[in-house]
Amino acid sequence: MSVFDSQRLTQNIIRFDIEGLRRGSYTDKYFTNVVKVLSALSQSGYVYAGTNPRQLPGVETLPVGNVIAEAQIFNRRSPIALIAGVDVALNMLRYATGYYDDHESFVETWQNLEVDAVHDGDITYYDGDPEDVLTVIEIRGRYRDFALLETPILGVLSRASRIATNVYEVLQVSNGKPILYYPARFDLPEVQALDGYAYYLAVRRYNMEYHQNTQPIVSTDAQGMWWGGKGSGTIPHALIASFVTDDVEMMVNFAKHIPLTTPRILLADFNNDVVSASVATLTAYWEHYQKAYQADDETSMKQWTLNGVRLDTSAKLRDASLDADDPKGVSPVLVRTVRNSLNNAWHTWNVPPSLEEVAKEFCRKVQIVVTGGFNREKIEAFERARTPVDAYGVGSSLLSNAKETNTDFTMDIVRIYHNNQWLDVPKVGRRPCDNPDLRRIDLSEF
């Protein structure tokens, strides 16, 4: 359930491989060994017969094969982590908790679990002490029934929360400007729905925390599949190449053949002269827009409005519009140069006095989108320099799993239940923890 809309992601939306989860296809093999050992002990009727190193009371009658355990799941990203993937993990518990009987029929035992969890979109804090963590899911039940799920549960939480937190931290320095989510080409198609959902949660959390109305923008339909979004985009470099490098002619035909719901945004760097490409395209559009304006044709006016230009200049190139000592790639200098050129393009159009204000507004409302190597640090530098950017496209950096962005999760068995009492059994250096944001989960909702 998301903290923003109280809506659950259910199996009919997620559609994961239930049979594979039940069989342990996605599980580290040592958890398969856990199930084999505990199942065999259960069948033999084994009762604990060891030395009881922690001197726990009453364990000499503990039926180890059917041990009831409390598992706590937590992460240690500092200082915060934006949690995502909880609903997916809960679906795994709902549909893959249990065991195969002697007839190879799966016996569901999810109804015997007691589960507490945070919501997708909640935030956890970590101060560096592994004995003082905020749990995101707590599971109590017969351990061998859910042991196989540790690997996939941790995996989905780690990936989704890492991406959500990475996006959230980028949004924190963007001053409310949209972050276009562009990592689809850097990973497997199968992860796009989860990744896009994590991005969506980050946008929602940012808007809630900072009182913004930033819109989530993804590049593929799959990225919006779990939250009702649709992919959006304009043109790749390949389309310009198809027009024998004539970006203006390409944009004219783009306006003629693409629905009005798709913004007209020029990818301006193909010929490494973003000012010339931007102004020439704007000029070509103005000729059509002026006629539509004078005819009071709102549909055609929208058709011939240049909504934006995208700068994607390679870091190895210096744009032709800049001086020899100006920086290469997409820089604040380049953005300001483009902004100034766009604002003043109308001066060369021989605009009648009665349309001067219309022409000025036509030029000024062209937005500038920047892409290519952007991450939190680069966006923060652009914003600190008050660069006139309207939106940032960010790709592979949002998938980063470096030291600073690592959001790995851990599951620990911290207590076992015997003789009507819970006994602490955490590994040394850990202890049972809690989280005031945990809510009791009704798995039947899934």
Protein backbone atom coordinates (compact mmCIF):
# COMPACT_ATOMS: atom_id res chain seq x y z
CA MET A 1 0.00 0.00 0.00
CA SER A 2 1.29 3.44 -0.88
CA VAL A 3 1.24 6.12 1.82
CA PHE A 4 -0.08 8.50 -0.84
CA ASP A 5 -3.22 6.78 -2.10
CA SER A 6 -3.79 3.71 0.16
CA GLN A 7 -3.89 1.51 -2.95
CA ARG A 8 -2.44 -2.00 -2.92
CA LEU A 9 -0.37 -3.56 -5.67
CA THR A 10 -1.84 -7.01 -6.10
CA GLN A 11 -0.80 -10.09 -8.02
CA ASN A 12 -3.07 -9.28 -10.95
CA ILE A 13 -0.94 -6.14 -11.42
CA ILE A 14 2.50 -7.49 -10.52
CA ARG A 15 2.17 -10.92 -12.19
CA PHE A 16 5.29 -12.52 -10.78
CA ASP A 17 6.18 -16.19 -11.22
CA ILE A 18 4.34 -17.85 -8.33
CA GLU A 19 5.44 -21.39 -9.19
CA GLY A 20 9.06 -20.32 -9.47
CA LEU A 21 8.94 -18.67 -6.05
CA ARG A 22 7.35 -21.73 -4.47
CA ARG A 23 9.98 -24.01 -6.01
CA GLY A 24 12.88 -21.82 -4.93
CA SER A 25 13.98 -20.92 -8.46
CA TYR A 26 14.85 -17.39 -7.30
CA THR A 27 16.30 -18.46 -3.95
CA ASP A 28 19.91 -18.73 -2.82
CA LYS A 29 20.55 -22.45 -2.43
CA TYR A 30 21.41 -22.31 1.24
CA PHE A 31 17.79 -21.44 1.97
CA THR A 32 16.78 -24.54 0.03
CA ASN A 33 19.00 -26.43 2.48
CA VAL A 34 17.18 -24.78 5.37
CA VAL A 35 13.86 -26.14 4.14
CA LYS A 36 15.29 -29.61 3.53
CA VAL A 37 16.81 -29.82 7.00
CA LEU A 38 13.81 -28.46 8.87
CA SER A 39 11.35 -30.57 6.88
CA ALA A 40 13.35 -33.71 7.60
CA LEU A 41 13.51 -32.86 11.31
CA SER A 42 9.78 -32.28 11.38
CA GLN A 43 9.09 -35.67 9.81
CA SER A 44 11.43 -37.44 12.23
CA GLY A 45 9.99 -35.68 15.28
CA TYR A 46 13.37 -34.30 16.31
CA VAL A 47 13.52 -32.24 19.52
CA TYR A 48 16.47 -29.96 20.24
CA ALA A 49 19.30 -31.94 21.83
CA GLY A 50 22.21 -29.49 21.81
CA THR A 51 24.16 -27.65 24.51
CA ASN A 52 21.96 -24.51 24.60
CA PRO A 53 24.88 -22.02 24.45
CA ARG A 54 22.74 -19.03 25.45
CA GLN A 55 20.96 -20.93 28.20
CA LEU A 56 17.49 -20.19 26.86
CA PRO A 57 14.71 -21.60 29.05
CA GLY A 58 12.77 -24.69 28.02
CA VAL A 59 14.45 -25.30 24.66
CA GLU A 60 15.08 -28.96 25.50
CA THR A 61 11.53 -29.56 24.26
CA LEU A 62 11.77 -27.33 21.17
CA PRO A 63 10.59 -29.06 17.92
CA VAL A 64 13.20 -27.46 15.67
CA GLY A 65 11.64 -28.67 12.43
CA ASN A 66 8.51 -26.66 13.14
CA VAL A 67 10.18 -23.71 14.84
CA ILE A 68 8.10 -20.53 14.93
CA ALA A 69 10.39 -17.62 14.17
CA GLU A 70 10.26 -13.85 14.00
CA ALA A 71 12.12 -12.43 11.03
CA GLN A 72 12.90 -8.73 10.78
CA ILE A 73 13.80 -7.04 7.51
CA PHE A 74 15.71 -3.77 7.49
CA ASN A 75 18.17 -1.72 5.47
CA ARG A 76 21.15 0.42 6.41
CA ARG A 77 21.31 3.20 3.87
CA SER A 78 22.35 6.36 5.66
CA PRO A 79 20.95 8.82 6.46
CA ILE A 80 17.62 7.81 4.88
CA ALA A 81 16.03 5.32 2.54
CA LEU A 82 12.74 5.78 0.70
CA ILE A 83 11.12 2.37 0.93
CA ALA A 84 9.64 0.71 -2.14
CA GLY A 85 8.80 -2.87 -3.07
CA VAL A 86 6.87 -3.67 0.12
CA ASP A 87 3.66 -4.62 -1.69
CA VAL A 88 5.61 -6.92 -3.99
CA ALA A 89 7.21 -8.60 -0.98
CA LEU A 90 3.83 -9.02 0.71
CA ASN A 91 2.43 -10.60 -2.46
CA MET A 92 5.28 -13.10 -2.32
CA LEU A 93 4.34 -14.00 1.24
CA ARG A 94 0.69 -14.30 0.28
CA TYR A 95 1.18 -16.59 -2.73
CA ALA A 96 4.35 -18.53 -1.98
CA THR A 97 4.27 -19.23 1.77
CA GLY A 98 3.76 -22.94 2.37
CA TYR A 99 5.12 -26.29 1.23
CA TYR A 100 4.65 -29.12 -1.24
CA ASP A 101 3.05 -32.24 0.22
CA ASP A 102 3.85 -35.83 -0.67
CA HIS A 103 1.57 -35.57 -3.71
CA GLU A 104 3.39 -32.47 -5.00
CA SER A 105 0.43 -30.25 -4.24
CA PHE A 106 1.27 -26.90 -2.73
CA VAL A 107 -0.22 -26.30 0.71
CA GLU A 108 -0.66 -22.57 1.40
CA THR A 109 0.08 -21.47 4.96
CA TRP A 110 0.12 -17.69 4.55
CA GLN A 111 -2.95 -17.47 6.75
CA ASN A 112 -0.81 -18.64 9.70
CA LEU A 113 1.63 -15.75 9.37
CA GLU A 114 1.57 -12.57 11.42
CA VAL A 115 3.04 -9.76 9.35
CA ASP A 116 3.72 -6.10 10.08
CA ALA A 117 5.07 -3.76 7.41
CA VAL A 118 5.56 -0.15 6.47
CA HIS A 119 3.90 1.26 3.38
CA ASP A 120 5.58 1.88 0.05
CA GLY A 121 6.71 5.50 0.18
CA ASP A 122 7.64 5.50 3.87
CA ILE A 123 11.12 6.68 4.89
CA THR A 124 13.54 4.96 7.25
CA TYR A 125 16.50 6.57 8.99
CA TYR A 126 19.82 4.99 9.91
CA ASP A 127 22.58 6.42 12.10
CA GLY A 128 25.20 3.75 11.46
CA ASP A 129 24.43 1.43 14.38
CA PRO A 130 23.32 -2.04 13.14
CA GLU A 131 21.71 -2.69 16.52
CA ASP A 132 19.47 0.33 16.07
CA VAL A 133 17.56 -0.11 12.81
CA LEU A 134 14.03 0.62 11.65
CA THR A 135 12.41 -2.58 10.42
CA VAL A 136 10.31 -2.42 7.27
CA ILE A 137 8.72 -5.89 7.48
CA GLU A 138 8.38 -8.26 10.43
CA ILE A 139 7.21 -11.84 9.82
CA ARG A 140 6.18 -14.33 12.51
CA GLY A 141 5.35 -17.90 11.60
CA ARG A 142 6.75 -21.36 10.93
CA TYR A 143 10.14 -20.58 9.46
CA ARG A 144 10.39 -23.38 6.94
CA ASP A 145 7.19 -22.15 5.27
CA PHE A 146 8.69 -18.80 4.22
CA ALA A 147 12.45 -19.42 4.31
CA LEU A 148 12.65 -19.74 0.51
CA LEU A 149 11.32 -16.19 0.10
CA GLU A 150 14.18 -14.33 1.77
CA THR A 151 16.26 -13.91 -1.37
CA PRO A 152 13.51 -12.58 -3.68
CA ILE A 153 11.98 -10.38 -0.96
CA LEU A 154 15.32 -8.76 -0.17
CA GLY A 155 16.09 -8.40 -3.85
CA VAL A 156 12.91 -6.56 -4.74
CA LEU A 157 13.15 -4.30 -1.67
CA SER A 158 16.80 -3.50 -2.34
CA ARG A 159 16.36 -2.60 -5.99
CA ALA A 160 13.12 -0.67 -5.67
CA SER A 161 14.20 1.25 -2.55
CA ARG A 162 17.59 2.09 -4.07
CA ILE A 163 16.01 3.58 -7.17
CA ALA A 164 13.31 5.38 -5.18
CA THR A 165 15.91 6.90 -2.86
CA ASN A 166 18.22 7.86 -5.73
CA VAL A 167 15.35 9.64 -7.50
CA TYR A 168 14.21 11.32 -4.29
CA GLU A 169 17.69 12.69 -3.62
CA VAL A 170 17.89 14.07 -7.16
CA LEU A 171 14.50 15.72 -6.78
CA GLN A 172 15.67 17.36 -3.57
CA VAL A 173 18.13 19.50 -5.54
CA SER A 174 15.97 20.12 -8.63
CA ASN A 175 13.93 23.01 -7.19
CA GLY A 176 10.69 21.42 -8.31
CA LYS A 177 11.76 20.94 -11.91
CA PRO A 178 10.71 17.62 -13.46
CA ILE A 179 13.16 14.73 -13.51
CA LEU A 180 12.49 12.71 -16.67
CA TYR A 181 13.11 9.03 -15.92
CA TYR A 182 15.36 7.68 -18.71
CA PRO A 183 17.14 4.49 -17.49
CA ALA A 184 15.12 1.96 -19.52
CA ARG A 185 17.95 1.32 -21.98
CA PHE A 186 20.41 0.50 -19.22
CA ASP A 187 18.77 -2.63 -17.80
CA LEU A 188 16.54 -5.60 -18.52
CA PRO A 189 13.05 -4.95 -19.87
CA GLU A 190 11.60 -7.16 -17.11
CA VAL A 191 12.49 -4.64 -14.37
CA GLN A 192 10.87 -1.59 -15.97
CA ALA A 193 7.54 -1.88 -14.15
CA LEU A 194 9.18 -2.12 -10.72
CA ASP A 195 11.70 0.62 -11.50
CA GLY A 196 9.05 2.97 -12.85
CA TYR A 197 6.93 2.40 -9.76
CA ALA A 198 9.89 3.21 -7.51
CA TYR A 199 10.43 6.43 -9.47
CA TYR A 200 6.74 7.29 -9.13
CA LEU A 201 6.86 6.80 -5.35
CA ALA A 202 9.85 9.14 -5.14
CA VAL A 203 8.02 11.86 -7.06
CA ARG A 204 4.97 11.48 -4.83
CA ARG A 205 7.08 11.61 -1.67
CA TYR A 206 8.95 14.66 -2.89
CA ASN A 207 5.73 16.48 -3.73
CA MET A 208 4.32 15.68 -0.30
CA GLU A 209 7.43 16.73 1.61
CA TYR A 210 8.22 19.87 -0.38
CA HIS A 211 4.69 20.96 -1.32
CA GLN A 212 5.39 20.68 -5.04
CA ASN A 213 3.36 19.41 -7.97
CA THR A 214 6.13 17.83 -10.03
CA GLN A 215 4.71 15.38 -12.55
CA PRO A 216 6.19 11.86 -13.01
CA ILE A 217 7.47 11.44 -16.57
CA VAL A 218 8.66 8.05 -17.82
CA SER A 219 9.85 6.97 -21.24
CA THR A 220 8.12 3.58 -21.60
CA ASP A 221 4.60 2.33 -20.99
CA ALA A 222 5.98 -0.52 -18.86
CA GLN A 223 7.48 1.97 -16.40
CA GLY A 224 4.00 3.34 -15.77
CA MET A 225 2.23 -0.02 -15.73
CA TRP A 226 1.82 -0.28 -11.94
CA TRP A 227 0.58 3.28 -11.34
CA GLY A 228 -1.38 4.12 -14.48
CA GLY A 229 1.29 6.15 -16.23
CA LYS A 230 2.19 6.12 -19.90
CA GLY A 231 5.53 6.55 -21.58
CA SER A 232 6.22 9.88 -23.25
CA GLY A 233 8.90 11.10 -25.59
CA THR A 234 9.64 13.04 -28.72
CA ILE A 235 12.48 12.14 -31.09
CA PRO A 236 15.81 10.30 -31.07
CA HIS A 237 18.87 11.26 -33.05
CA ALA A 238 18.01 8.46 -35.47
CA LEU A 239 15.04 10.39 -36.86
CA ILE A 240 17.26 13.37 -37.66
CA ALA A 241 19.68 11.04 -39.42
CA SER A 242 16.73 9.71 -41.43
CA PHE A 243 16.20 13.26 -42.69
CA VAL A 244 19.82 13.39 -43.87
CA THR A 245 20.75 15.48 -40.78
CA ASP A 246 18.12 18.17 -41.55
CA ASP A 247 16.70 18.76 -38.07
CA VAL A 248 14.40 21.60 -39.17
CA GLU A 249 12.73 19.58 -41.92
CA MET A 250 12.39 16.69 -39.51
CA MET A 251 10.65 18.89 -36.91
CA VAL A 252 8.27 20.31 -39.52
CA ASN A 253 7.21 16.80 -40.50
CA PHE A 254 7.06 15.79 -36.85
CA ALA A 255 4.51 18.55 -36.23
CA LYS A 256 2.50 17.45 -39.25
CA HIS A 257 2.22 13.79 -38.34
CA ILE A 258 2.44 13.46 -34.54
CA PRO A 259 -0.71 13.95 -32.39
CA LEU A 260 -1.10 17.19 -30.46
CA THR A 261 -0.81 15.29 -27.19
CA THR A 262 2.89 14.77 -27.91
CA PRO A 263 5.00 17.84 -27.17
CA ARG A 264 7.11 19.31 -29.97
CA ILE A 265 10.63 19.16 -28.55
CA LEU A 266 13.66 19.47 -30.80
CA LEU A 267 16.70 17.32 -30.05
CA ALA A 268 19.00 20.18 -30.91
CA ASP A 269 22.58 18.85 -30.72
CA PHE A 270 22.73 16.53 -33.73
CA ASN A 271 24.88 18.90 -35.80
CA ASN A 272 26.64 20.33 -32.72
CA ASP A 273 25.09 23.77 -33.20
CA VAL A 274 22.16 23.92 -30.82
CA VAL A 275 21.54 27.65 -31.26
CA SER A 276 21.24 27.46 -35.05
CA ALA A 277 19.04 24.35 -34.87
CA SER A 278 16.81 25.82 -32.17
CA VAL A 279 16.33 29.21 -33.80
CA ALA A 280 15.83 27.75 -37.29
CA THR A 281 13.18 25.34 -36.02
CA LEU A 282 11.45 28.07 -34.03
CA THR A 283 11.46 30.27 -37.13
CA ALA A 284 9.93 27.52 -39.26
CA TYR A 285 7.22 26.93 -36.68
CA TRP A 286 6.47 30.65 -36.37
CA GLU A 287 5.50 30.90 -40.04
CA HIS A 288 2.76 28.31 -39.44
CA TYR A 289 1.84 29.59 -35.99
CA GLN A 290 1.38 33.17 -37.17
CA LYS A 291 -1.12 32.09 -39.83
CA ALA A 292 -2.98 29.94 -37.31
CA TYR A 293 -3.07 32.79 -34.80
CA GLN A 294 -4.44 35.24 -37.31
CA ALA A 295 -7.11 32.68 -38.28
CA ASP A 296 -7.93 32.04 -34.62
CA ASP A 297 -7.24 28.34 -35.23
CA GLU A 298 -6.33 27.01 -31.77
CA THR A 299 -5.70 23.48 -33.00
CA SER A 300 -3.15 24.60 -35.55
CA MET A 301 -1.60 26.96 -33.01
CA LYS A 302 -0.98 24.03 -30.72
CA GLN A 303 0.32 21.97 -33.63
CA TRP A 304 2.93 24.61 -34.43
CA THR A 305 4.03 25.51 -30.92
CA LEU A 306 7.63 24.54 -30.23
CA ASN A 307 7.31 23.26 -26.69
CA GLY A 308 10.97 22.80 -26.03
CA VAL A 309 14.50 22.06 -27.14
CA ARG A 310 16.61 19.28 -25.67
CA LEU A 311 20.35 19.71 -25.27
CA ASP A 312 22.32 16.46 -25.27
CA THR A 313 25.76 17.60 -26.40
CA SER A 314 28.55 15.08 -25.86
CA ALA A 315 30.98 15.83 -23.06
CA LYS A 316 33.77 15.56 -25.66
CA LEU A 317 32.36 18.32 -27.86
CA ARG A 318 32.11 22.09 -27.57
CA ASP A 319 29.03 23.44 -29.26
CA ALA A 320 29.62 25.62 -32.31
CA SER A 321 27.79 28.52 -30.67
CA LEU A 322 30.38 28.82 -27.87
CA ASP A 323 33.81 30.40 -27.61
CA ALA A 324 37.01 28.37 -27.59
CA ASP A 325 37.45 28.70 -23.83
CA ASP A 326 33.86 27.76 -22.97
CA PRO A 327 33.16 24.33 -21.46
CA LYS A 328 32.36 21.25 -23.50
CA GLY A 329 29.17 19.25 -23.22
CA VAL A 330 25.93 20.56 -21.76
CA SER A 331 26.88 23.41 -19.46
CA PRO A 332 25.21 26.42 -17.84
CA VAL A 333 26.97 28.58 -20.42
CA LEU A 334 25.40 26.63 -23.29
CA VAL A 335 21.95 26.71 -21.70
CA ARG A 336 22.09 30.48 -21.17
CA THR A 337 23.25 30.97 -24.74
CA VAL A 338 20.31 28.95 -26.03
CA ARG A 339 17.84 30.69 -23.75
CA ASN A 340 19.00 34.13 -24.88
CA SER A 341 18.89 33.13 -28.55
CA LEU A 342 15.38 31.71 -28.24
CA ASN A 343 14.08 34.77 -26.42
CA ASN A 344 15.39 37.07 -29.09
CA ALA A 345 14.73 35.00 -32.21
CA TRP A 346 11.64 37.07 -33.10
CA HIS A 347 13.80 40.13 -33.88
CA THR A 348 14.77 38.57 -37.24
CA TRP A 349 11.21 37.70 -38.30
CA ASN A 350 9.89 41.01 -39.59
CA VAL A 351 6.97 40.75 -37.18
CA PRO A 352 4.20 43.35 -37.58
CA PRO A 353 3.84 45.58 -34.51
CA SER A 354 0.46 44.12 -33.70
CA LEU A 355 2.02 40.66 -33.26
CA GLU A 356 5.20 41.57 -31.42
CA GLU A 357 3.92 40.50 -27.99
CA VAL A 358 2.60 37.27 -29.50
CA ALA A 359 5.99 36.58 -31.06
CA LYS A 360 7.82 37.37 -27.82
CA GLU A 361 5.63 34.97 -25.88
CA PHE A 362 5.99 32.34 -28.62
CA CYS A 363 9.75 32.47 -28.11
CA ARG A 364 9.86 32.75 -24.34
CA LYS A 365 7.66 29.77 -23.63
CA VAL A 366 10.01 27.35 -25.40
CA GLN A 367 11.39 25.22 -22.58
CA ILE A 368 14.90 23.83 -22.29
CA VAL A 369 15.44 20.20 -21.36
CA VAL A 370 18.96 18.95 -20.65
CA THR A 371 20.16 15.35 -20.82
CA GLY A 372 23.43 13.45 -20.96
CA GLY A 373 25.38 12.43 -17.86
CA PHE A 374 23.17 14.19 -15.34
CA ASN A 375 23.17 13.07 -11.72
CA ARG A 376 22.49 14.65 -8.35
CA GLU A 377 25.78 16.53 -8.20
CA LYS A 378 25.50 17.96 -11.71
CA ILE A 379 21.89 19.03 -11.24
CA GLU A 380 22.76 20.64 -7.91
CA ALA A 381 25.56 22.59 -9.63
CA PHE A 382 23.21 23.74 -12.42
CA GLU A 383 20.63 24.87 -9.90
CA ARG A 384 23.22 26.62 -7.76
CA ALA A 385 24.25 28.54 -10.88
CA ARG A 386 20.58 29.38 -11.54
CA THR A 387 20.79 27.85 -14.99
CA PRO A 388 17.54 28.44 -16.93
CA VAL A 389 16.71 24.74 -17.28
CA ASP A 390 13.08 23.64 -17.26
CA ALA A 391 13.56 19.87 -16.91
CA TYR A 392 16.34 17.33 -16.44
CA GLY A 393 16.50 13.95 -18.14
CA VAL A 394 18.38 11.47 -15.96
CA GLY A 395 19.36 7.94 -16.92
CA SER A 396 21.82 5.39 -15.59
CA SER A 397 22.82 7.35 -12.48
CA LEU A 398 19.38 6.61 -11.02
CA LEU A 399 20.31 2.91 -11.04
CA SER A 400 23.58 3.55 -9.18
CA ASN A 401 24.54 0.99 -6.55
CA ALA A 402 27.79 2.55 -5.38
CA LYS A 403 28.87 2.87 -1.74
CA GLU A 404 26.80 6.00 -1.17
CA THR A 405 23.68 4.64 -2.88
CA ASN A 406 23.76 1.04 -1.65
CA THR A 407 20.33 0.18 -0.23
CA ASP A 408 20.74 -3.51 0.50
CA PHE A 409 18.28 -5.16 2.86
CA THR A 410 18.88 -7.85 5.47
CA MET A 411 16.54 -10.42 7.02
CA ASP A 412 17.45 -11.68 10.48
CA ILE A 413 15.76 -14.32 12.57
CA VAL A 414 15.78 -12.49 15.90
CA ARG A 415 13.35 -14.48 18.06
CA ILE A 416 11.77 -17.94 18.28
CA TYR A 417 8.52 -18.87 19.99
CA HIS A 418 8.35 -21.76 22.48
CA ASN A 419 6.36 -22.53 25.60
CA ASN A 420 4.21 -19.42 25.11
CA GLN A 421 7.13 -17.02 25.12
CA TRP A 422 9.40 -15.34 22.61
CA LEU A 423 13.10 -16.09 23.05
CA ASP A 424 15.75 -13.74 21.68
CA VAL A 425 18.14 -15.50 19.25
CA PRO A 426 19.74 -12.75 17.11
CA LYS A 427 23.28 -13.09 15.83
CA VAL A 428 25.85 -11.19 17.86
CA GLY A 429 25.80 -7.53 16.87
CA ARG A 430 22.08 -7.48 16.12
CA ARG A 431 18.96 -7.32 18.28
CA PRO A 432 15.20 -7.32 17.81
CA CYS A 433 14.16 -3.84 16.67
CA ASP A 434 10.93 -2.13 15.75
CA ASN A 435 9.50 0.76 13.77
CA PRO A 436 6.54 2.95 14.81
CA ASP A 437 5.48 3.09 11.15
CA LEU A 438 4.76 -0.66 10.99
CA ARG A 439 1.13 -1.64 10.39
CA ARG A 440 -0.47 -5.07 10.80
CA ILE A 441 -1.02 -6.60 7.36
CA ASP A 442 -4.03 -8.59 6.25
CA LEU A 443 -2.56 -10.82 3.55
CA SER A 444 -6.04 -11.73 2.32
CA GLU A 445 -6.14 -8.25 0.73
CA PHE A 446 -3.66 -9.51 -1.84
